[in-house]
Amino acid sequence: MLKQEIIYNGVSYYWSALQDSEHPDMIIDMPDHEIYVQIVVNKQDKAHNERFAKGNEKCPISQSTAYEVIKAVVEQNYIETYKDSDVGLIFDAQFNLIEN
């Protein structure tokens, strides 16, 4: 799994993604915990995801989707809320939380 960095509001967040089911799974690596996110692929990322399935992309989601997920997780305070939780978050294609 390729770990990548996104800077949001001056803070570095490291993330990686994999796909072993219908929807990609994203892991946000924090210094003292991880946050698990499942993402419903939007139309824009569907082509990216298809290229990943063919071996033409290194990650099942685009950098822009990862940025939007991190933005939603930070702005909705899930960074701290899910610090001690093994429960994952599921976001819809518009980056709204649909299940936790």
PDB file of N, CA and C in Angstrom:
ATOM      1  N   MET A   1       0.849  -1.179   0.000  1.00  0.00           N
ATOM      2  CA  MET A   1       0.000   0.000   0.000  1.00  0.00           C
ATOM      3  C   MET A   1       0.896   1.244   0.000  1.00  0.00           C
ATOM      4  N   LEU A   2       0.655   2.107  -0.934  1.00  0.00           N
ATOM      5  CA  LEU A   2       1.417   3.334  -1.093  1.00  0.00           C
ATOM      6  C   LEU A   2       0.914   4.391  -0.111  1.00  0.00           C
ATOM      7  N   LYS A   3       1.798   4.904   0.737  1.00  0.00           N
ATOM      8  CA  LYS A   3       1.415   5.950   1.687  1.00  0.00           C
ATOM      9  C   LYS A   3       1.745   7.303   1.064  1.00  0.00           C
ATOM     10  N   GLN A   4       0.756   8.212   1.094  1.00  0.00           N
ATOM     11  CA  GLN A   4       0.924   9.524   0.494  1.00  0.00           C
ATOM     12  C   GLN A   4       0.604  10.611   1.507  1.00  0.00           C
ATOM     13  N   GLU A   5       1.080  11.809   1.222  1.00  0.00           N
ATOM     14  CA  GLU A   5       0.873  12.940   2.124  1.00  0.00           C
ATOM     15  C   GLU A   5      -0.056  13.965   1.484  1.00  0.00           C
ATOM     16  N   ILE A   6      -0.939  14.491   2.311  1.00  0.00           N
ATOM     17  CA  ILE A   6      -1.779  15.625   1.928  1.00  0.00           C
ATOM     18  C   ILE A   6      -1.658  16.655   3.041  1.00  0.00           C
ATOM     19  N   ILE A   7      -1.460  17.898   2.662  1.00  0.00           N
ATOM     20  CA  ILE A   7      -1.418  18.976   3.644  1.00  0.00           C
ATOM     21  C   ILE A   7      -2.743  19.708   3.588  1.00  0.00           C
ATOM     22  N   TYR A   8      -3.425  19.745   4.729  1.00  0.00           N
ATOM     23  CA  TYR A   8      -4.700  20.441   4.824  1.00  0.00           C
ATOM     24  C   TYR A   8      -4.629  21.402   6.003  1.00  0.00           C
ATOM     25  N   ASN A   9      -4.889  22.661   5.762  1.00  0.00           N
ATOM     26  CA  ASN A   9      -4.790  23.715   6.790  1.00  0.00           C
ATOM     27  C   ASN A   9      -3.452  23.684   7.519  1.00  0.00           C
ATOM     28  N   GLY A  10      -2.389  23.466   6.763  1.00  0.00           N
ATOM     29  CA  GLY A  10      -1.040  23.499   7.322  1.00  0.00           C
ATOM     30  C   GLY A  10      -0.635  22.258   8.102  1.00  0.00           C
ATOM     31  N   VAL A  11      -1.462  21.221   8.115  1.00  0.00           N
ATOM     32  CA  VAL A  11      -1.158  19.984   8.838  1.00  0.00           C
ATOM     33  C   VAL A  11      -0.967  18.864   7.819  1.00  0.00           C
ATOM     34  N   SER A  12       0.084  18.065   8.020  1.00  0.00           N
ATOM     35  CA  SER A  12       0.332  16.914   7.148  1.00  0.00           C
ATOM     36  C   SER A  12      -0.487  15.721   7.598  1.00  0.00           C
ATOM     37  N   TYR A  13      -1.161  15.114   6.652  1.00  0.00           N
ATOM     38  CA  TYR A  13      -1.915  13.887   6.895  1.00  0.00           C
ATOM     39  C   TYR A  13      -1.387  12.833   5.927  1.00  0.00           C
ATOM     40  N   TYR A  14      -1.134  11.657   6.439  1.00  0.00           N
ATOM     41  CA  TYR A  14      -0.665  10.566   5.605  1.00  0.00           C
ATOM     42  C   TYR A  14      -1.805   9.582   5.407  1.00  0.00           C
ATOM     43  N   TRP A  15      -1.956   9.138   4.192  1.00  0.00           N
ATOM     44  CA  TRP A  15      -3.060   8.256   3.862  1.00  0.00           C
ATOM     45  C   TRP A  15      -2.612   7.190   2.868  1.00  0.00           C
ATOM     46  N   SER A  16      -3.364   6.140   2.844  1.00  0.00           N
ATOM     47  CA  SER A  16      -3.170   5.088   1.867  1.00  0.00           C
ATOM     48  C   SER A  16      -4.546   4.519   1.542  1.00  0.00           C
ATOM     49  N   ALA A  17      -4.630   3.787   0.462  1.00  0.00           N
ATOM     50  CA  ALA A  17      -5.915   3.221   0.069  1.00  0.00           C
ATOM     51  C   ALA A  17      -5.693   1.863  -0.579  1.00  0.00           C
ATOM     52  N   LEU A  18      -6.696   1.033  -0.445  1.00  0.00           N
ATOM     53  CA  LEU A  18      -6.684  -0.265  -1.074  1.00  0.00           C
ATOM     54  C   LEU A  18      -8.104  -0.592  -1.494  1.00  0.00           C
ATOM     55  N   GLN A  19      -8.230  -1.634  -2.263  1.00  0.00           N
ATOM     56  CA  GLN A  19      -9.563  -2.027  -2.673  1.00  0.00           C
ATOM     57  C   GLN A  19      -9.643  -3.542  -2.671  1.00  0.00           C
ATOM     58  N   ASP A  20     -10.445  -4.060  -1.752  1.00  0.00           N
ATOM     59  CA  ASP A  20     -10.663  -5.501  -1.723  1.00  0.00           C
ATOM     60  C   ASP A  20     -12.160  -5.826  -1.725  1.00  0.00           C
ATOM     61  N   SER A  21     -12.963  -4.803  -1.988  1.00  0.00           N
ATOM     62  CA  SER A  21     -14.411  -4.987  -2.123  1.00  0.00           C
ATOM     63  C   SER A  21     -14.899  -3.994  -3.175  1.00  0.00           C
ATOM     64  N   GLU A  22     -16.186  -3.777  -3.225  1.00  0.00           N
ATOM     65  CA  GLU A  22     -16.748  -2.876  -4.242  1.00  0.00           C
ATOM     66  C   GLU A  22     -16.244  -1.446  -4.108  1.00  0.00           C
ATOM     67  N   HIS A  23     -16.096  -0.976  -2.871  1.00  0.00           N
ATOM     68  CA  HIS A  23     -15.694   0.405  -2.621  1.00  0.00           C
ATOM     69  C   HIS A  23     -14.271   0.468  -2.071  1.00  0.00           C
ATOM     70  N   PRO A  24     -13.505   1.488  -2.469  1.00  0.00           N
ATOM     71  CA  PRO A  24     -12.149   1.644  -1.933  1.00  0.00           C
ATOM     72  C   PRO A  24     -12.162   1.934  -0.433  1.00  0.00           C
ATOM     73  N   ASP A  25     -11.144   1.448   0.231  1.00  0.00           N
ATOM     74  CA  ASP A  25     -10.926   1.725   1.650  1.00  0.00           C
ATOM     75  C   ASP A  25      -9.736   2.665   1.765  1.00  0.00           C
ATOM     76  N   MET A  26      -9.878   3.667   2.591  1.00  0.00           N
ATOM     77  CA  MET A  26      -8.812   4.642   2.807  1.00  0.00           C
ATOM     78  C   MET A  26      -8.440   4.615   4.285  1.00  0.00           C
ATOM     79  N   ILE A  27      -7.156   4.694   4.557  1.00  0.00           N
ATOM     80  CA  ILE A  27      -6.664   4.755   5.934  1.00  0.00           C
ATOM     81  C   ILE A  27      -5.941   6.073   6.105  1.00  0.00           C
ATOM     82  N   ILE A  28      -6.358   6.831   7.101  1.00  0.00           N
ATOM     83  CA  ILE A  28      -5.669   8.076   7.455  1.00  0.00           C
ATOM     84  C   ILE A  28      -4.814   7.750   8.662  1.00  0.00           C
ATOM     85  N   ASP A  29      -3.512   7.887   8.479  1.00  0.00           N
ATOM     86  CA  ASP A  29      -2.541   7.548   9.527  1.00  0.00           C
ATOM     87  C   ASP A  29      -2.281   8.753  10.412  1.00  0.00           C
ATOM     88  N   MET A  30      -2.658   8.656  11.668  1.00  0.00           N
ATOM     89  CA  MET A  30      -2.377   9.708  12.634  1.00  0.00           C
ATOM     90  C   MET A  30      -1.214   9.244  13.507  1.00  0.00           C
ATOM     91  N   PRO A  31      -0.540  10.153  14.223  1.00  0.00           N
ATOM     92  CA  PRO A  31       0.597   9.738  15.044  1.00  0.00           C
ATOM     93  C   PRO A  31       0.244   8.662  16.078  1.00  0.00           C
ATOM     94  N   ASP A  32      -0.975   8.710  16.609  1.00  0.00           N
ATOM     95  CA  ASP A  32      -1.321   7.752  17.665  1.00  0.00           C
ATOM     96  C   ASP A  32      -2.526   6.876  17.343  1.00  0.00           C
ATOM     97  N   HIS A  33      -3.033   6.942  16.112  1.00  0.00           N
ATOM     98  CA  HIS A  33      -4.156   6.092  15.717  1.00  0.00           C
ATOM     99  C   HIS A  33      -4.367   6.153  14.210  1.00  0.00           C
ATOM    100  N   GLU A  34      -5.256   5.312  13.720  1.00  0.00           N
ATOM    101  CA  GLU A  34      -5.629   5.319  12.314  1.00  0.00           C
ATOM    102  C   GLU A  34      -7.134   5.522  12.214  1.00  0.00           C
ATOM    103  N   ILE A  35      -7.562   6.122  11.127  1.00  0.00           N
ATOM    104  CA  ILE A  35      -8.989   6.289  10.852  1.00  0.00           C
ATOM    105  C   ILE A  35      -9.277   5.535   9.559  1.00  0.00           C
ATOM    106  N   TYR A  36     -10.261   4.662   9.612  1.00  0.00           N
ATOM    107  CA  TYR A  36     -10.641   3.851   8.461  1.00  0.00           C
ATOM    108  C   TYR A  36     -11.855   4.467   7.788  1.00  0.00           C
ATOM    109  N   VAL A  37     -11.774   4.634   6.481  1.00  0.00           N
ATOM    110  CA  VAL A  37     -12.840   5.259   5.723  1.00  0.00           C
ATOM    111  C   VAL A  37     -13.128   4.409   4.486  1.00  0.00           C
ATOM    112  N   GLN A  38     -14.393   4.170   4.225  1.00  0.00           N
ATOM    113  CA  GLN A  38     -14.791   3.542   2.972  1.00  0.00           C
ATOM    114  C   GLN A  38     -15.458   4.620   2.128  1.00  0.00           C
ATOM    115  N   ILE A  39     -15.176   4.606   0.832  1.00  0.00           N
ATOM    116  CA  ILE A  39     -15.625   5.686  -0.034  1.00  0.00           C
ATOM    117  C   ILE A  39     -16.469   5.136  -1.174  1.00  0.00           C
ATOM    118  N   VAL A  40     -17.646   5.713  -1.352  1.00  0.00           N
ATOM    119  CA  VAL A  40     -18.449   5.415  -2.528  1.00  0.00           C
ATOM    120  C   VAL A  40     -17.869   6.270  -3.658  1.00  0.00           C
ATOM    121  N   VAL A  41     -17.406   5.639  -4.703  1.00  0.00           N
ATOM    122  CA  VAL A  41     -16.704   6.337  -5.779  1.00  0.00           C
ATOM    123  C   VAL A  41     -17.672   7.226  -6.559  1.00  0.00           C
ATOM    124  N   ASN A  42     -17.263   8.492  -6.731  1.00  0.00           N
ATOM    125  CA  ASN A  42     -18.089   9.421  -7.508  1.00  0.00           C
ATOM    126  C   ASN A  42     -17.781   9.259  -9.007  1.00  0.00           C
ATOM    127  N   LYS A  43     -18.549   9.934  -9.838  1.00  0.00           N
ATOM    128  CA  LYS A  43     -18.375   9.801 -11.286  1.00  0.00           C
ATOM    129  C   LYS A  43     -16.967  10.163 -11.726  1.00  0.00           C
ATOM    130  N   GLN A  44     -16.424  11.211 -11.132  1.00  0.00           N
ATOM    131  CA  GLN A  44     -15.085  11.678 -11.499  1.00  0.00           C
ATOM    132  C   GLN A  44     -14.037  10.607 -11.201  1.00  0.00           C
ATOM    133  N   ASP A  45     -14.183   9.927 -10.080  1.00  0.00           N
ATOM    134  CA  ASP A  45     -13.191   8.930  -9.688  1.00  0.00           C
ATOM    135  C   ASP A  45     -13.446   7.553 -10.289  1.00  0.00           C
ATOM    136  N   LYS A  46     -14.592   7.354 -10.893  1.00  0.00           N
ATOM    137  CA  LYS A  46     -14.906   6.038 -11.463  1.00  0.00           C
ATOM    138  C   LYS A  46     -13.883   5.651 -12.529  1.00  0.00           C
ATOM    139  N   ALA A  47     -13.522   6.584 -13.394  1.00  0.00           N
ATOM    140  CA  ALA A  47     -12.529   6.305 -14.427  1.00  0.00           C
ATOM    141  C   ALA A  47     -11.169   6.016 -13.804  1.00  0.00           C
ATOM    142  N   HIS A  48     -10.813   6.781 -12.782  1.00  0.00           N
ATOM    143  CA  HIS A  48      -9.550   6.540 -12.071  1.00  0.00           C
ATOM    144  C   HIS A  48      -9.552   5.133 -11.478  1.00  0.00           C
ATOM    145  N   ASN A  49     -10.657   4.769 -10.845  1.00  0.00           N
ATOM    146  CA  ASN A  49     -10.786   3.464 -10.210  1.00  0.00           C
ATOM    147  C   ASN A  49     -10.697   2.340 -11.246  1.00  0.00           C
ATOM    148  N   GLU A  50     -11.275   2.545 -12.406  1.00  0.00           N
ATOM    149  CA  GLU A  50     -11.193   1.546 -13.473  1.00  0.00           C
ATOM    150  C   GLU A  50      -9.758   1.392 -13.980  1.00  0.00           C
ATOM    151  N   ARG A  51      -9.035   2.510 -14.076  1.00  0.00           N
ATOM    152  CA  ARG A  51      -7.611   2.435 -14.474  1.00  0.00           C
ATOM    153  C   ARG A  51      -6.802   1.685 -13.424  1.00  0.00           C
ATOM    154  N   PHE A  52      -7.131   1.892 -12.132  1.00  0.00           N
ATOM    155  CA  PHE A  52      -6.469   1.164 -11.060  1.00  0.00           C
ATOM    156  C   PHE A  52      -6.703  -0.344 -11.217  1.00  0.00           C
ATOM    157  N   ALA A  53      -7.921  -0.727 -11.497  1.00  0.00           N
ATOM    158  CA  ALA A  53      -8.265  -2.146 -11.659  1.00  0.00           C
ATOM    159  C   ALA A  53      -7.472  -2.784 -12.804  1.00  0.00           C
ATOM    160  N   LYS A  54      -7.120  -1.989 -13.803  1.00  0.00           N
ATOM    161  CA  LYS A  54      -6.339  -2.488 -14.936  1.00  0.00           C
ATOM    162  C   LYS A  54      -4.832  -2.396 -14.685  1.00  0.00           C
ATOM    163  N   GLY A  55      -4.437  -1.890 -13.526  1.00  0.00           N
ATOM    164  CA  GLY A  55      -3.014  -1.782 -13.204  1.00  0.00           C
ATOM    165  C   GLY A  55      -2.367  -0.508 -13.697  1.00  0.00           C
ATOM    166  N   ASN A  56      -3.163   0.478 -14.113  1.00  0.00           N
ATOM    167  CA  ASN A  56      -2.618   1.719 -14.663  1.00  0.00           C
ATOM    168  C   ASN A  56      -2.558   2.861 -13.660  1.00  0.00           C
ATOM    169  N   GLU A  57      -3.017   2.653 -12.448  1.00  0.00           N
ATOM    170  CA  GLU A  57      -2.921   3.636 -11.361  1.00  0.00           C
ATOM    171  C   GLU A  57      -2.386   2.908 -10.136  1.00  0.00           C
ATOM    172  N   LYS A  58      -1.673   3.635  -9.282  1.00  0.00           N
ATOM    173  CA  LYS A  58      -1.089   3.021  -8.097  1.00  0.00           C
ATOM    174  C   LYS A  58      -2.047   2.963  -6.918  1.00  0.00           C
ATOM    175  N   CYS A  59      -3.142   3.701  -7.009  1.00  0.00           N
ATOM    176  CA  CYS A  59      -4.060   3.835  -5.889  1.00  0.00           C
ATOM    177  C   CYS A  59      -5.499   3.815  -6.417  1.00  0.00           C
ATOM    178  N   PRO A  60      -6.444   3.210  -5.683  1.00  0.00           N
ATOM    179  CA  PRO A  60      -7.815   3.126  -6.189  1.00  0.00           C
ATOM    180  C   PRO A  60      -8.607   4.429  -6.162  1.00  0.00           C
ATOM    181  N   ILE A  61      -8.094   5.445  -5.477  1.00  0.00           N
ATOM    182  CA  ILE A  61      -8.749   6.749  -5.455  1.00  0.00           C
ATOM    183  C   ILE A  61      -7.754   7.823  -5.863  1.00  0.00           C
ATOM    184  N   SER A  62      -8.264   8.920  -6.362  1.00  0.00           N
ATOM    185  CA  SER A  62      -7.396  10.012  -6.787  1.00  0.00           C
ATOM    186  C   SER A  62      -6.947  10.853  -5.587  1.00  0.00           C
ATOM    187  N   GLN A  63      -5.913  11.612  -5.803  1.00  0.00           N
ATOM    188  CA  GLN A  63      -5.409  12.533  -4.784  1.00  0.00           C
ATOM    189  C   GLN A  63      -6.494  13.536  -4.400  1.00  0.00           C
ATOM    190  N   SER A  64      -7.274  14.000  -5.374  1.00  0.00           N
ATOM    191  CA  SER A  64      -8.318  14.987  -5.072  1.00  0.00           C
ATOM    192  C   SER A  64      -9.428  14.384  -4.201  1.00  0.00           C
ATOM    193  N   THR A  65      -9.767  13.129  -4.434  1.00  0.00           N
ATOM    194  CA  THR A  65     -10.759  12.471  -3.569  1.00  0.00           C
ATOM    195  C   THR A  65     -10.204  12.302  -2.164  1.00  0.00           C
ATOM    196  N   ALA A  66      -8.964  11.886  -2.050  1.00  0.00           N
ATOM    197  CA  ALA A  66      -8.347  11.743  -0.726  1.00  0.00           C
ATOM    198  C   ALA A  66      -8.343  13.080   0.007  1.00  0.00           C
ATOM    199  N   TYR A  67      -8.043  14.156  -0.705  1.00  0.00           N
ATOM    200  CA  TYR A  67      -8.062  15.489  -0.102  1.00  0.00           C
ATOM    201  C   TYR A  67      -9.452  15.827   0.433  1.00  0.00           C
ATOM    202  N   GLU A  68     -10.484  15.582  -0.366  1.00  0.00           N
ATOM    203  CA  GLU A  68     -11.855  15.890   0.059  1.00  0.00           C
ATOM    204  C   GLU A  68     -12.279  15.049   1.259  1.00  0.00           C
ATOM    205  N   VAL A  69     -11.843  13.800   1.307  1.00  0.00           N
ATOM    206  CA  VAL A  69     -12.161  12.953   2.471  1.00  0.00           C
ATOM    207  C   VAL A  69     -11.459  13.485   3.708  1.00  0.00           C
ATOM    208  N   ILE A  70     -10.184  13.807   3.589  1.00  0.00           N
ATOM    209  CA  ILE A  70      -9.447  14.344   4.741  1.00  0.00           C
ATOM    210  C   ILE A  70     -10.078  15.653   5.195  1.00  0.00           C
ATOM    211  N   LYS A  71     -10.429  16.506   4.263  1.00  0.00           N
ATOM    212  CA  LYS A  71     -11.096  17.768   4.599  1.00  0.00           C
ATOM    213  C   LYS A  71     -12.378  17.502   5.386  1.00  0.00           C
ATOM    214  N   ALA A  72     -13.205  16.565   4.925  1.00  0.00           N
ATOM    215  CA  ALA A  72     -14.459  16.242   5.619  1.00  0.00           C
ATOM    216  C   ALA A  72     -14.192  15.666   7.005  1.00  0.00           C
ATOM    217  N   VAL A  73     -13.215  14.782   7.114  1.00  0.00           N
ATOM    218  CA  VAL A  73     -12.892  14.160   8.407  1.00  0.00           C
ATOM    219  C   VAL A  73     -12.405  15.214   9.402  1.00  0.00           C
ATOM    220  N   VAL A  74     -11.562  16.122   8.942  1.00  0.00           N
ATOM    221  CA  VAL A  74     -11.034  17.172   9.822  1.00  0.00           C
ATOM    222  C   VAL A  74     -12.131  18.161  10.210  1.00  0.00           C
ATOM    223  N   GLU A  75     -12.863  18.673   9.215  1.00  0.00           N
ATOM    224  CA  GLU A  75     -13.875  19.696   9.484  1.00  0.00           C
ATOM    225  C   GLU A  75     -15.026  19.177  10.346  1.00  0.00           C
ATOM    226  N   GLN A  76     -15.307  17.886  10.265  1.00  0.00           N
ATOM    227  CA  GLN A  76     -16.382  17.309  11.067  1.00  0.00           C
ATOM    228  C   GLN A  76     -15.856  16.698  12.366  1.00  0.00           C
ATOM    229  N   ASN A  77     -14.595  16.957  12.670  1.00  0.00           N
ATOM    230  CA  ASN A  77     -13.938  16.566  13.920  1.00  0.00           C
ATOM    231  C   ASN A  77     -13.884  15.051  14.151  1.00  0.00           C
ATOM    232  N   TYR A  78     -13.821  14.269  13.083  1.00  0.00           N
ATOM    233  CA  TYR A  78     -13.701  12.828  13.253  1.00  0.00           C
ATOM    234  C   TYR A  78     -12.277  12.415  13.615  1.00  0.00           C
ATOM    235  N   ILE A  79     -11.309  13.311  13.442  1.00  0.00           N
ATOM    236  CA  ILE A  79      -9.928  13.001  13.814  1.00  0.00           C
ATOM    237  C   ILE A  79      -9.873  12.619  15.293  1.00  0.00           C
ATOM    238  N   GLU A  80     -10.510  13.396  16.140  1.00  0.00           N
ATOM    239  CA  GLU A  80     -10.520  13.102  17.574  1.00  0.00           C
ATOM    240  C   GLU A  80     -11.651  12.160  17.968  1.00  0.00           C
ATOM    241  N   THR A  81     -12.813  12.310  17.352  1.00  0.00           N
ATOM    242  CA  THR A  81     -13.968  11.486  17.697  1.00  0.00           C
ATOM    243  C   THR A  81     -13.672  10.002  17.505  1.00  0.00           C
ATOM    244  N   TYR A  82     -12.936   9.673  16.459  1.00  0.00           N
ATOM    245  CA  TYR A  82     -12.666   8.272  16.158  1.00  0.00           C
ATOM    246  C   TYR A  82     -11.282   7.820  16.598  1.00  0.00           C
ATOM    247  N   LYS A  83     -10.673   8.571  17.510  1.00  0.00           N
ATOM    248  CA  LYS A  83      -9.323   8.255  17.970  1.00  0.00           C
ATOM    249  C   LYS A  83      -9.233   6.865  18.586  1.00  0.00           C
ATOM    250  N   ASP A  84     -10.185   6.488  19.388  1.00  0.00           N
ATOM    251  CA  ASP A  84     -10.148   5.202  20.084  1.00  0.00           C
ATOM    252  C   ASP A  84     -11.190   4.230  19.548  1.00  0.00           C
ATOM    253  N   SER A  85     -11.538   4.364  18.294  1.00  0.00           N
ATOM    254  CA  SER A  85     -12.590   3.529  17.723  1.00  0.00           C
ATOM    255  C   SER A  85     -12.055   2.678  16.577  1.00  0.00           C
ATOM    256  N   ASP A  86     -12.488   1.439  16.541  1.00  0.00           N
ATOM    257  CA  ASP A  86     -12.158   0.572  15.404  1.00  0.00           C
ATOM    258  C   ASP A  86     -13.221   0.667  14.321  1.00  0.00           C
ATOM    259  N   VAL A  87     -14.246   1.463  14.570  1.00  0.00           N
ATOM    260  CA  VAL A  87     -15.340   1.620  13.624  1.00  0.00           C
ATOM    261  C   VAL A  87     -14.876   2.500  12.475  1.00  0.00           C
ATOM    262  N   GLY A  88     -15.233   2.126  11.269  1.00  0.00           N
ATOM    263  CA  GLY A  88     -14.877   2.919  10.108  1.00  0.00           C
ATOM    264  C   GLY A  88     -15.979   3.897   9.745  1.00  0.00           C
ATOM    265  N   LEU A  89     -15.638   4.853   8.932  1.00  0.00           N
ATOM    266  CA  LEU A  89     -16.585   5.840   8.425  1.00  0.00           C
ATOM    267  C   LEU A  89     -16.872   5.505   6.965  1.00  0.00           C
ATOM    268  N   ILE A  90     -18.108   5.720   6.539  1.00  0.00           N
ATOM    269  CA  ILE A  90     -18.446   5.527   5.132  1.00  0.00           C
ATOM    270  C   ILE A  90     -18.971   6.846   4.591  1.00  0.00           C
ATOM    271  N   PHE A  91     -18.311   7.340   3.536  1.00  0.00           N
ATOM    272  CA  PHE A  91     -18.697   8.596   2.900  1.00  0.00           C
ATOM    273  C   PHE A  91     -19.320   8.325   1.542  1.00  0.00           C
ATOM    274  N   ASP A  92     -20.336   9.116   1.206  1.00  0.00           N
ATOM    275  CA  ASP A  92     -20.947   8.988  -0.114  1.00  0.00           C
ATOM    276  C   ASP A  92     -20.088   9.721  -1.141  1.00  0.00           C
ATOM    277  N   ALA A  93     -20.544   9.743  -2.374  1.00  0.00           N
ATOM    278  CA  ALA A  93     -19.779  10.331  -3.471  1.00  0.00           C
ATOM    279  C   ALA A  93     -19.615  11.840  -3.359  1.00  0.00           C
ATOM    280  N   GLN A  94     -20.407  12.486  -2.492  1.00  0.00           N
ATOM    281  CA  GLN A  94     -20.276  13.938  -2.263  1.00  0.00           C
ATOM    282  C   GLN A  94     -19.547  14.225  -0.949  1.00  0.00           C
ATOM    283  N   PHE A  95     -18.922  13.205  -0.371  1.00  0.00           N
ATOM    284  CA  PHE A  95     -18.116  13.313   0.844  1.00  0.00           C
ATOM    285  C   PHE A  95     -18.934  13.653   2.081  1.00  0.00           C
ATOM    286  N   ASN A  96     -20.171  13.173   2.107  1.00  0.00           N
ATOM    287  CA  ASN A  96     -21.011  13.284   3.296  1.00  0.00           C
ATOM    288  C   ASN A  96     -20.984  11.953   4.020  1.00  0.00           C
ATOM    289  N   LEU A  97     -20.928  11.996   5.335  1.00  0.00           N
ATOM    290  CA  LEU A  97     -20.943  10.771   6.123  1.00  0.00           C
ATOM    291  C   LEU A  97     -22.302  10.102   5.969  1.00  0.00           C
ATOM    292  N   ILE A  98     -22.294   8.823   5.574  1.00  0.00           N
ATOM    293  CA  ILE A  98     -23.561   8.114   5.440  1.00  0.00           C
ATOM    294  C   ILE A  98     -23.694   6.998   6.473  1.00  0.00           C
ATOM    295  N   GLU A  99     -22.580   6.599   7.071  1.00  0.00           N
ATOM    296  CA  GLU A  99     -22.640   5.522   8.059  1.00  0.00           C
ATOM    297  C   GLU A  99     -21.358   5.527   8.872  1.00  0.00           C
ATOM    298  N   ASN A 100     -21.487   5.118  10.133  1.00  0.00           N
ATOM    299  CA  ASN A 100     -20.304   4.937  10.976  1.00  0.00           C
ATOM    300  C   ASN A 100     -20.522   3.788  11.911  1.00  0.00           C
TER     301      ASN A 100
END
